[in-house]
Amino acid sequence: MQDSRPPLLYLTHRIPYPPNKGDKLRSFNILRQLASTHRVWLGSFVDHPDDRRHIPALRQWCEQTCVIPIEPGIRRVASLRGLLRGEALSLPYYRSPRLARWVEQVVAENGIRSAVAFSGPMAQYLDVPGLSRRVVDFCDVDSAKWTQYAADRRWPMSWLYRREGERLLDFERDAAATVDASLFVTEAEAALFRRAAPALASRVGVMQNGVDADFFSPANAGASPFTPGGPVLVFSGAMDYWPNIDAVTWFVGEILPIIRRTLPAVRFWIVGMNPAPAVRALASAEVFVTGTVPDVRPYVAHADVVVAPLRIARGIQNKVLEAMSMARPVVVSAASAVGLAARDGVECEIVEGAEGTAARVLELLADPARRARMGEAARACVEARYSWHAHLALLDQLLSETA
């Protein structure tokens, strides 16, 4: 029987499988949603050797793939060409003549009329004859992230990051002006971009993150990975990502000592792939750095409290939604809670500063009944508000020729 689903081009800056980190969770769920209504041609990059073996798995969702291996170190050097061209360094980092040729070929040969680009830099591939519907999922306003990074760096990196923020914003505006819709993960991010590009406000929308509540369920807690001892605090995430590195470094240096004055036996587990040297250096008798784990769920499910003390955060954090879905009490920074449909003191604890974070953690550790109530409320919030399918159905509407 002939497949009646229309063809579609999907472009991602990183292979969307396996969904084992924040951006890949979103890009993978978008892929699944698109594949339910379209025949998908996927163009992407793979930047980690472990991910290359997963390329064949994409066939179950895609008609065809073009996944190009890149070496981050080499790409960072190549991206410096942007300094000579006066453009954001993120653009040459993800620029590939091979991918550009593949995009032109598959659009022409397969009658592809619709395209979705995941992350701003992939929008540079959308200027192709034949495409009549284009959607960019920016996720966050990345230009603002680079500007935020600049505030915490010394010259010359402060200058370089500030320049990246300015040049990338120019590109984001230009890209958004040429597509039918630009999407962001929270209303706060969308509002930030509308202020930066007011003429495009009518084409800027919100597509929130979701969570697989069946997968991240207390029923799938498994056996505890923790040895007997004091209470356990857990942070999960990709540990080569600067905001996560900053969060755990700050927590260990400023917050954990305050908690330990009251609870000397408390233990902090940092769970996530590719821990940077600064993260590995935090390991001690009370701080555990796991690196890659086969399944993050037991670590989250058996934590007494999950913490998300990010000082640099854009959009809704998947790590927070997953912990809430596992019915765990979460202490989250105000920066991480922007756009989160959860009430402070009911479904989570939203805090500012080292002293405030330590105080909320101690209050929860001292009250098991309160932790249980908060975990149950968090789970209910996720089930009611964070269905991937409900959020991603917006894509089908935007890709319609009558949208």
Protein backbone atom coordinates (compact mmCIF):
# COMPACT_ATOMS: atom_id res chain seq x y z
CA MET A 1 0.00 0.00 0.00
CA GLN A 2 1.33 3.42 -0.94
CA ASP A 3 2.28 5.64 1.99
CA SER A 4 0.02 8.69 1.90
CA ARG A 5 1.96 10.71 4.44
CA PRO A 6 3.53 13.84 2.91
CA PRO A 7 7.34 14.08 2.79
CA LEU A 8 9.19 16.35 5.22
CA LEU A 9 12.75 17.51 5.82
CA TYR A 10 13.96 17.51 9.44
CA LEU A 11 17.32 19.06 10.34
CA THR A 12 19.01 18.75 13.75
CA HIS A 13 22.39 19.93 14.96
CA ARG A 14 22.93 16.65 16.83
CA ILE A 15 21.70 13.13 16.10
CA PRO A 16 18.33 12.89 17.89
CA TYR A 17 18.94 9.39 19.20
CA PRO A 18 19.37 8.07 21.82
CA PRO A 19 17.38 10.64 23.81
CA ASN A 20 19.90 10.80 26.66
CA LYS A 21 20.36 14.55 27.15
CA GLY A 22 18.21 17.65 27.14
CA ASP A 23 18.32 18.78 23.51
CA LYS A 24 18.13 15.19 22.23
CA LEU A 25 15.06 14.48 24.33
CA ARG A 26 13.27 17.31 22.57
CA SER A 27 14.61 16.61 19.09
CA PHE A 28 13.83 12.88 19.40
CA ASN A 29 10.26 13.44 20.52
CA ILE A 30 9.80 15.90 17.67
CA LEU A 31 11.11 13.22 15.30
CA ARG A 32 8.60 10.68 16.61
CA GLN A 33 5.78 13.19 16.30
CA LEU A 34 6.75 14.18 12.75
CA ALA A 35 7.13 10.54 11.69
CA SER A 36 3.57 9.80 12.81
CA THR A 37 2.21 12.20 10.19
CA HIS A 38 5.01 12.55 7.61
CA ARG A 39 7.67 10.60 5.77
CA VAL A 40 10.84 12.11 7.22
CA TRP A 41 14.20 12.82 5.60
CA LEU A 42 16.64 13.58 8.44
CA GLY A 43 19.84 15.61 8.12
CA SER A 44 22.02 15.80 11.20
CA PHE A 45 25.47 15.71 12.76
CA VAL A 46 26.99 13.22 15.22
CA ASP A 47 29.60 14.64 17.57
CA HIS A 48 30.24 11.74 19.95
CA PRO A 49 31.74 8.35 18.99
CA ASP A 50 29.25 6.44 21.15
CA ASP A 51 26.35 7.90 19.17
CA ARG A 52 27.55 6.68 15.78
CA ARG A 53 26.39 3.13 16.45
CA HIS A 54 22.84 4.43 16.88
CA ILE A 55 22.54 5.84 13.35
CA PRO A 56 20.89 2.64 11.97
CA ALA A 57 18.18 2.91 14.65
CA LEU A 58 16.90 6.08 12.95
CA ARG A 59 15.53 4.01 10.07
CA GLN A 60 12.41 3.14 12.08
CA TRP A 61 11.35 6.81 11.89
CA CYS A 62 13.06 8.04 8.73
CA GLU A 63 12.85 7.40 4.99
CA GLN A 64 16.46 8.44 4.63
CA THR A 65 19.18 9.98 6.79
CA CYS A 66 22.32 12.00 6.22
CA VAL A 67 24.24 11.98 9.50
CA ILE A 68 27.66 13.60 9.26
CA PRO A 69 30.35 12.85 11.87
CA ILE A 70 32.10 15.92 13.24
CA GLU A 71 35.01 16.30 15.64
CA PRO A 72 34.18 19.12 18.10
CA GLY A 73 37.81 20.18 18.53
CA ILE A 74 38.36 20.54 14.79
CA ARG A 75 35.01 22.25 14.35
CA ARG A 76 35.81 24.83 17.02
CA VAL A 77 38.94 25.79 15.12
CA ALA A 78 37.04 25.87 11.81
CA SER A 79 34.34 28.05 13.34
CA LEU A 80 36.90 30.83 13.82
CA ARG A 81 36.35 31.58 10.14
CA GLY A 82 33.29 33.42 11.38
CA LEU A 83 35.61 36.11 12.76
CA LEU A 84 36.82 36.86 9.23
CA ARG A 85 33.33 36.78 7.77
CA GLY A 86 31.73 38.88 10.49
CA GLU A 87 29.25 36.13 11.36
CA ALA A 88 28.40 34.12 14.48
CA LEU A 89 30.90 31.31 15.11
CA SER A 90 28.01 28.86 15.59
CA LEU A 91 27.21 29.05 11.87
CA PRO A 92 30.48 27.72 10.35
CA TYR A 93 30.60 25.18 13.21
CA TYR A 94 27.48 23.55 11.75
CA ARG A 95 28.15 24.38 8.09
CA SER A 96 28.65 21.42 5.79
CA PRO A 97 28.73 21.52 1.97
CA ARG A 98 27.92 17.80 2.02
CA LEU A 99 24.75 18.35 4.05
CA ALA A 100 23.76 21.34 1.90
CA ARG A 101 24.06 19.22 -1.27
CA TRP A 102 22.03 16.41 0.31
CA VAL A 103 19.28 18.83 1.34
CA GLU A 104 18.98 20.27 -2.16
CA GLN A 105 18.95 16.79 -3.70
CA VAL A 106 16.30 15.18 -1.47
CA VAL A 107 14.02 18.21 -1.62
CA ALA A 108 14.13 18.16 -5.42
CA GLU A 109 13.89 14.38 -5.88
CA ASN A 110 11.14 13.69 -3.33
CA GLY A 111 8.85 16.66 -3.76
CA ILE A 112 9.48 17.83 -0.21
CA ARG A 113 7.59 21.03 0.55
CA SER A 114 7.82 21.26 4.36
CA ALA A 115 10.84 21.48 6.65
CA VAL A 116 11.57 21.75 10.36
CA ALA A 117 14.96 22.94 11.62
CA PHE A 118 15.85 22.12 15.21
CA SER A 119 18.13 24.83 16.72
CA GLY A 120 18.91 28.14 15.12
CA PRO A 121 22.11 27.29 13.19
CA MET A 122 20.29 24.59 11.18
CA ALA A 123 18.09 27.30 9.67
CA GLN A 124 20.99 28.12 7.33
CA TYR A 125 19.97 25.05 5.27
CA LEU A 126 16.38 26.12 4.66
CA ASP A 127 16.97 28.49 1.73
CA VAL A 128 16.23 25.76 -0.83
CA PRO A 129 13.98 25.95 -3.91
CA GLY A 130 10.81 23.91 -3.46
CA LEU A 131 10.19 24.42 0.24
CA SER A 132 6.94 26.23 0.92
CA ARG A 133 6.53 25.67 4.69
CA ARG A 134 9.46 26.25 7.03
CA VAL A 135 9.46 26.04 10.84
CA VAL A 136 12.45 26.69 13.09
CA ASP A 137 12.47 25.35 16.63
CA PHE A 138 14.97 27.71 18.23
CA CYS A 139 14.23 26.14 21.64
CA ASP A 140 15.92 29.02 23.46
CA VAL A 141 17.23 32.42 22.46
CA ASP A 142 20.80 31.16 22.13
CA SER A 143 22.16 34.64 21.47
CA ALA A 144 21.03 35.66 24.97
CA LYS A 145 22.78 32.62 26.42
CA TRP A 146 26.12 33.69 24.93
CA THR A 147 25.62 37.23 26.22
CA GLN A 148 24.91 35.76 29.65
CA TYR A 149 28.08 33.67 29.47
CA ALA A 150 30.08 36.83 28.71
CA ALA A 151 29.18 38.36 32.05
CA ASP A 152 31.02 35.56 33.87
CA ARG A 153 34.19 35.54 31.77
CA ARG A 154 37.35 37.59 31.65
CA TRP A 155 38.69 39.21 28.51
CA PRO A 156 39.21 37.99 25.80
CA MET A 157 36.51 35.32 26.28
CA SER A 158 34.06 37.92 27.55
CA TRP A 159 34.56 39.85 24.30
CA LEU A 160 34.23 36.69 22.18
CA TYR A 161 31.03 35.54 23.91
CA ARG A 162 29.50 39.01 23.73
CA ARG A 163 30.33 39.19 20.03
CA GLU A 164 28.77 35.75 19.53
CA GLY A 165 25.61 36.92 21.24
CA GLU A 166 25.35 39.99 18.98
CA ARG A 167 26.13 38.18 15.72
CA LEU A 168 23.91 35.22 16.54
CA LEU A 169 20.99 37.52 17.33
CA ASP A 170 21.43 39.10 13.89
CA PHE A 171 21.23 35.65 12.33
CA GLU A 172 18.25 34.60 14.47
CA ARG A 173 16.33 37.68 13.35
CA ASP A 174 17.20 37.11 9.69
CA ALA A 175 16.29 33.41 9.86
CA ALA A 176 13.00 34.09 11.62
CA ALA A 177 12.09 36.63 8.96
CA THR A 178 12.31 34.00 6.21
CA VAL A 179 10.29 31.17 7.85
CA ASP A 180 6.62 30.65 8.59
CA ALA A 181 7.02 30.08 12.34
CA SER A 182 9.69 30.37 15.03
CA LEU A 183 9.17 28.31 18.17
CA PHE A 184 10.58 28.57 21.68
CA VAL A 185 10.33 26.31 24.69
CA THR A 186 8.74 28.82 27.09
CA GLU A 187 6.69 31.98 26.87
CA ALA A 188 9.57 33.81 28.58
CA GLU A 189 11.95 32.85 25.75
CA ALA A 190 9.35 33.73 23.11
CA ALA A 191 8.71 37.10 24.74
CA LEU A 192 12.45 37.79 24.85
CA PHE A 193 12.70 37.16 21.11
CA ARG A 194 9.60 39.19 20.33
CA ARG A 195 11.22 42.15 22.08
CA ALA A 196 14.37 41.64 19.99
CA ALA A 197 12.38 41.27 16.75
CA PRO A 198 9.02 43.02 17.24
CA ALA A 199 8.16 42.98 13.53
CA LEU A 200 8.12 39.17 13.64
CA ALA A 201 5.99 38.81 16.78
CA SER A 202 3.01 37.30 14.97
CA ARG A 203 5.15 34.40 13.74
CA VAL A 204 6.73 33.59 17.13
CA GLY A 205 5.17 30.81 19.21
CA VAL A 206 5.69 28.49 22.16
CA MET A 207 6.09 24.71 22.07
CA GLN A 208 6.87 23.50 25.56
CA ASN A 209 8.94 20.51 26.56
CA GLY A 210 7.24 17.36 27.75
CA VAL A 211 8.17 14.19 29.54
CA ASP A 212 7.39 10.52 28.97
CA ALA A 213 5.48 9.92 32.19
CA ASP A 214 5.21 6.18 31.50
CA PHE A 215 8.98 5.83 31.20
CA PHE A 216 9.81 8.25 34.02
CA SER A 217 7.41 6.64 36.46
CA PRO A 218 7.90 5.63 40.11
CA ALA A 219 6.93 2.14 38.96
CA ASN A 220 10.24 2.03 37.06
CA ALA A 221 12.44 3.01 40.00
CA GLY A 222 14.43 -0.23 40.04
CA ALA A 223 16.86 -1.08 42.80
CA SER A 224 18.62 1.69 44.70
CA PRO A 225 22.15 2.36 43.41
CA PHE A 226 23.13 4.00 46.70
CA THR A 227 24.96 2.31 49.54
CA PRO A 228 23.49 2.65 53.05
CA GLY A 229 24.36 5.90 54.75
CA GLY A 230 23.17 9.46 55.07
CA PRO A 231 20.52 11.19 52.95
CA VAL A 232 21.18 11.48 49.22
CA LEU A 233 20.92 14.58 47.03
CA VAL A 234 21.07 14.10 43.25
CA PHE A 235 21.81 16.33 40.28
CA SER A 236 21.44 14.78 36.81
CA GLY A 237 22.44 16.08 33.41
CA ALA A 238 25.11 16.13 30.72
CA MET A 239 28.21 17.06 32.68
CA ASP A 240 30.16 18.60 29.82
CA TYR A 241 27.55 21.37 29.49
CA TRP A 242 28.73 24.62 31.05
CA PRO A 243 25.52 25.59 32.92
CA ASN A 244 25.50 22.13 34.55
CA ILE A 245 29.19 22.38 35.40
CA ASP A 246 28.61 25.78 36.97
CA ALA A 247 25.60 24.47 38.91
CA VAL A 248 27.33 21.52 40.56
CA THR A 249 30.52 23.50 41.22
CA TRP A 250 28.48 26.18 42.96
CA PHE A 251 26.45 23.62 44.87
CA VAL A 252 29.53 21.77 46.17
CA GLY A 253 31.46 24.94 46.94
CA GLU A 254 28.74 27.13 48.46
CA ILE A 255 25.60 25.15 49.34
CA LEU A 256 26.71 21.69 50.41
CA PRO A 257 28.94 23.01 53.25
CA ILE A 258 25.92 24.82 54.74
CA ILE A 259 23.83 21.64 54.58
CA ARG A 260 26.63 19.56 56.09
CA ARG A 261 26.81 21.81 59.14
CA THR A 262 23.40 20.41 60.11
CA LEU A 263 23.61 17.01 58.38
CA PRO A 264 27.26 15.91 58.17
CA ALA A 265 26.28 12.54 56.65
CA VAL A 266 24.52 14.00 53.61
CA ARG A 267 25.83 12.75 50.24
CA PHE A 268 25.68 14.46 46.84
CA TRP A 269 25.58 12.43 43.62
CA ILE A 270 26.34 14.04 40.25
CA VAL A 271 24.84 11.74 37.63
CA GLY A 272 25.51 12.27 33.94
CA MET A 273 27.70 11.60 30.94
CA ASN A 274 31.04 13.17 30.03
CA PRO A 275 31.96 14.86 33.33
CA ALA A 276 34.34 17.71 32.62
CA PRO A 277 37.63 17.89 34.56
CA ALA A 278 36.12 20.55 36.84
CA VAL A 279 33.30 18.12 37.70
CA ARG A 280 35.58 15.12 38.26
CA ALA A 281 37.64 17.27 40.61
CA LEU A 282 34.60 17.62 42.90
CA ALA A 283 34.62 13.91 43.79
CA SER A 284 35.25 13.19 47.47
CA ALA A 285 34.02 10.98 50.29
CA GLU A 286 30.71 12.89 50.23
CA VAL A 287 30.49 13.82 46.53
CA PHE A 288 30.10 11.08 43.91
CA VAL A 289 30.59 11.63 40.16
CA THR A 290 29.17 8.72 38.17
CA GLY A 291 29.85 9.53 34.55
CA THR A 292 27.60 7.69 32.10
CA VAL A 293 25.06 5.36 33.73
CA PRO A 294 22.90 2.75 31.94
CA ASP A 295 19.70 4.21 33.39
CA VAL A 296 19.31 7.48 35.26
CA ARG A 297 15.92 6.56 36.71
CA PRO A 298 17.11 4.59 39.78
CA TYR A 299 19.38 7.47 40.80
CA VAL A 300 16.55 9.98 40.57
CA ALA A 301 13.87 7.71 42.05
CA HIS A 302 15.89 6.80 45.15
CA ALA A 303 17.18 10.32 45.86
CA ASP A 304 15.85 11.94 49.00
CA VAL A 305 15.90 15.29 47.20
CA VAL A 306 16.74 16.21 43.61
CA VAL A 307 18.44 19.57 43.16
CA ALA A 308 18.65 21.79 40.07
CA PRO A 309 20.70 24.82 41.21
CA LEU A 310 21.35 26.25 37.77
CA ARG A 311 22.42 29.87 37.74
CA ILE A 312 22.51 29.95 33.93
CA ALA A 313 19.35 28.42 32.49
CA ARG A 314 17.19 28.88 29.42
CA GLY A 315 13.86 27.16 28.98
CA ILE A 316 12.24 24.37 30.95
CA GLN A 317 14.77 21.87 32.23
CA ASN A 318 14.11 18.25 31.26
CA LYS A 319 15.96 17.10 34.36
CA VAL A 320 13.37 18.89 36.51
CA LEU A 321 10.40 17.42 34.63
CA GLU A 322 11.87 13.92 34.83
CA ALA A 323 12.42 14.15 38.58
CA MET A 324 8.89 15.46 39.07
CA SER A 325 7.57 12.63 36.92
CA MET A 326 9.42 10.17 39.14
CA ALA A 327 7.53 11.74 42.10
CA ARG A 328 10.62 13.21 43.71
CA PRO A 329 10.78 16.51 45.60
CA VAL A 330 12.85 18.98 43.61
CA VAL A 331 14.65 22.09 44.82
CA VAL A 332 15.05 24.25 41.75
CA SER A 333 16.67 27.63 41.19
CA ALA A 334 14.49 30.51 40.09
CA ALA A 335 16.40 30.58 36.78
CA SER A 336 15.50 26.92 36.15
CA ALA A 337 11.85 27.47 37.07
CA VAL A 338 11.03 30.13 34.46
CA GLY A 339 8.08 28.79 32.50
CA LEU A 340 7.61 25.80 34.79
CA ALA A 341 3.93 25.17 35.56
CA ALA A 342 4.59 24.19 39.16
CA ARG A 343 3.75 25.98 42.40
CA ASP A 344 6.48 26.87 44.86
CA GLY A 345 6.05 24.82 48.01
CA VAL A 346 3.50 22.47 46.42
CA GLU A 347 4.98 20.71 43.37
CA CYS A 348 8.56 21.89 43.90
CA GLU A 349 10.69 24.32 45.89
CA ILE A 350 11.82 27.43 43.99
CA VAL A 351 14.74 29.21 45.61
CA GLU A 352 17.37 31.92 45.20
CA GLY A 353 20.90 31.95 46.59
CA ALA A 354 23.07 29.50 48.49
CA GLU A 355 21.53 30.09 51.92
CA GLY A 356 17.97 29.77 50.59
CA THR A 357 18.77 26.60 48.67
CA ALA A 358 20.42 24.98 51.67
CA ALA A 359 17.51 25.92 53.94
CA ARG A 360 14.88 24.37 51.63
CA VAL A 361 16.92 21.19 51.22
CA LEU A 362 17.27 20.85 54.99
CA GLU A 363 13.55 21.43 55.51
CA LEU A 364 12.69 18.65 53.08
CA LEU A 365 15.24 16.23 54.50
CA ALA A 366 13.77 16.78 57.96
CA ASP A 367 10.20 16.02 56.85
CA PRO A 368 9.64 12.71 54.97
CA ALA A 369 5.86 13.24 54.84
CA ARG A 370 6.32 16.61 53.15
CA ARG A 371 8.71 15.06 50.62
CA ALA A 372 6.13 12.40 49.80
CA ARG A 373 3.34 14.95 49.37
CA MET A 374 5.46 17.13 47.13
CA GLY A 375 6.51 14.14 45.03
CA GLU A 376 2.90 13.08 44.52
CA ALA A 377 1.88 16.62 43.57
CA ALA A 378 4.82 16.90 41.18
CA ARG A 379 3.84 13.68 39.44
CA ALA A 380 0.25 14.87 39.07
CA CYS A 381 1.47 18.17 37.62
CA VAL A 382 3.53 16.37 34.97
CA GLU A 383 0.67 14.07 34.00
CA ALA A 384 -1.70 17.03 33.62
CA ARG A 385 0.58 19.60 31.99
CA TYR A 386 3.56 17.97 30.25
CA SER A 387 2.43 15.47 27.63
CA TRP A 388 4.84 15.46 24.67
CA HIS A 389 2.04 14.57 22.28
CA ALA A 390 -0.16 17.47 23.37
CA HIS A 391 2.64 20.02 23.00
CA LEU A 392 4.04 18.71 19.72
CA ALA A 393 0.68 18.56 17.97
CA LEU A 394 1.33 22.26 17.27
CA LEU A 395 3.84 21.20 14.61
CA ASP A 396 1.18 19.49 12.53
CA GLN A 397 -0.87 22.68 12.59
CA LEU A 398 2.06 24.86 11.56
CA LEU A 399 3.11 22.54 8.74
CA SER A 400 -0.34 22.57 7.17
CA GLU A 401 -0.47 24.54 3.94
CA THR A 402 -3.56 26.28 5.30
CA ALA A 403 -1.88 27.38 8.54
